[in-house]
Amino acid sequence: MAESTVGSTANEPVAVALRLVDREFLIACAPEERDGLLESAAFLDRKMRELRANAKAPGFDRLAVLAAISVTHEFLALRKQHTGSDQSVTDGIAALRRKLEAALDAHIK
């Protein structure tokens, strides 16, 4: 969960204080990336807390690794699903193009 932001000028990195489980981290980022960083940290914090609730005496490092594996697995599954969707759209467009070409060829002849 985000705690604070240390200000800077518009183009300089800002320092954002984040709390993950029971630890605080100060991370620098571009001002336009701040909201994404806060959202990512909140998501990671929830994932780590969820894992901690279901694990036997987990340390912070173990929670971080388990959360990284879990989030990476979710990301790769979504990417694979998205790639499959892209391929379906590409295949559909190619089929429509073939039908259109066939119709145009039949009309021209």
Protein backbone atom coordinates (compact mmCIF):
# COMPACT_ATOMS: atom_id res chain seq x y z
CA MET A 1 0.00 0.00 0.00
CA ALA A 2 1.42 3.41 -0.91
CA GLU A 3 2.25 5.77 1.88
CA SER A 4 3.69 8.92 0.38
CA THR A 5 5.38 10.56 -2.55
CA VAL A 6 8.46 12.75 -2.30
CA GLY A 7 7.93 15.58 -4.81
CA SER A 8 10.19 16.77 -7.60
CA THR A 9 9.94 18.87 -10.72
CA ALA A 10 7.77 17.69 -13.61
CA ASN A 11 10.47 15.72 -15.48
CA GLU A 12 12.51 14.41 -12.56
CA PRO A 13 11.86 11.04 -10.94
CA VAL A 14 9.70 11.00 -7.86
CA ALA A 15 10.33 8.80 -4.84
CA VAL A 16 7.33 6.75 -3.79
CA ALA A 17 7.16 5.05 -0.38
CA LEU A 18 5.44 1.68 -0.67
CA ARG A 19 4.48 -0.78 2.04
CA LEU A 20 4.44 -4.47 1.19
CA VAL A 21 3.13 -6.61 4.01
CA ASP A 22 5.17 -5.22 6.92
CA ARG A 23 8.08 -3.61 5.07
CA GLU A 24 8.52 -0.21 3.51
CA PHE A 25 10.32 0.43 0.23
CA LEU A 26 11.26 3.75 -1.34
CA ILE A 27 11.19 3.48 -5.13
CA ALA A 28 12.01 6.16 -7.69
CA CYS A 29 9.92 6.41 -10.84
CA ALA A 30 8.95 8.88 -13.53
CA PRO A 31 6.00 11.05 -12.47
CA GLU A 32 3.78 9.56 -15.19
CA GLU A 33 4.51 6.03 -13.89
CA ARG A 34 3.55 6.82 -10.27
CA ASP A 35 -0.10 5.71 -10.49
CA GLY A 36 0.85 2.44 -12.19
CA LEU A 37 3.51 1.79 -9.55
CA LEU A 38 1.01 2.41 -6.75
CA GLU A 39 -1.52 0.10 -8.37
CA SER A 40 1.12 -2.60 -8.89
CA ALA A 41 2.29 -2.33 -5.29
CA ALA A 42 -1.27 -2.58 -3.98
CA PHE A 43 -1.87 -5.69 -6.12
CA LEU A 44 1.40 -7.28 -4.93
CA ASP A 45 0.62 -6.43 -1.30
CA ARG A 46 -2.80 -8.15 -1.59
CA LYS A 47 -1.21 -11.20 -3.24
CA MET A 48 1.47 -11.46 -0.54
CA ARG A 49 -1.10 -11.11 2.26
CA GLU A 50 -3.26 -13.79 0.63
CA LEU A 51 -0.27 -16.14 0.42
CA ARG A 52 0.74 -15.37 4.01
CA ALA A 53 -2.76 -16.28 5.23
CA ASN A 54 -2.48 -19.70 3.55
CA ALA A 55 1.17 -20.53 4.34
CA LYS A 56 2.91 -21.99 7.36
CA ALA A 57 5.19 -19.36 8.96
CA PRO A 58 6.30 -17.70 5.72
CA GLY A 59 9.16 -15.22 5.76
CA PHE A 60 9.05 -12.04 3.71
CA ASP A 61 11.51 -13.35 1.12
CA ARG A 62 9.52 -16.54 0.66
CA LEU A 63 6.28 -14.57 0.31
CA ALA A 64 7.93 -12.32 -2.28
CA VAL A 65 9.11 -15.30 -4.34
CA LEU A 66 5.75 -17.08 -4.10
CA ALA A 67 3.94 -13.88 -5.11
CA ALA A 68 6.33 -13.35 -8.03
CA ILE A 69 5.72 -16.89 -9.26
CA SER A 70 1.96 -16.54 -8.85
CA VAL A 71 1.75 -13.18 -10.62
CA THR A 72 4.05 -14.38 -13.41
CA HIS A 73 1.91 -17.48 -13.90
CA GLU A 74 -1.24 -15.33 -14.16
CA PHE A 75 0.49 -12.96 -16.58
CA LEU A 76 1.73 -15.75 -18.86
CA ALA A 77 -1.71 -17.41 -18.88
CA LEU A 78 -3.35 -14.11 -19.85
CA ARG A 79 -0.70 -13.45 -22.50
CA LYS A 80 -1.22 -16.91 -23.96
CA GLN A 81 -4.99 -16.35 -23.98
CA HIS A 82 -4.53 -12.95 -25.61
CA THR A 83 -2.19 -14.41 -28.25
CA GLY A 84 -4.79 -17.06 -29.04
CA SER A 85 -7.42 -14.35 -29.43
CA ASP A 86 -5.13 -12.40 -31.74
CA GLN A 87 -4.59 -15.50 -33.86
CA SER A 88 -8.36 -16.09 -34.09
CA VAL A 89 -8.88 -12.53 -35.29
CA THR A 90 -6.03 -12.87 -37.80
CA ASP A 91 -7.45 -16.16 -39.09
CA GLY A 92 -10.93 -14.65 -39.36
CA ILE A 93 -9.65 -11.65 -41.31
CA ALA A 94 -7.69 -13.93 -43.66
CA ALA A 95 -10.82 -16.05 -44.29
CA LEU A 96 -12.88 -12.95 -45.02
CA ARG A 97 -10.19 -11.67 -47.39
CA ARG A 98 -10.20 -14.99 -49.28
CA LYS A 99 -14.00 -14.89 -49.57
CA LEU A 100 -13.91 -11.29 -50.77
CA GLU A 101 -11.21 -12.08 -53.33
CA ALA A 102 -13.19 -15.09 -54.56
CA ALA A 103 -16.36 -12.99 -54.85
CA LEU A 104 -14.50 -10.23 -56.72
CA ASP A 105 -12.86 -12.79 -59.03
CA ALA A 106 -16.24 -14.37 -59.79
CA HIS A 107 -17.77 -10.94 -60.44
CA ILE A 108 -14.93 -9.88 -62.78
CA LYS A 109 -15.07 -13.07 -64.87
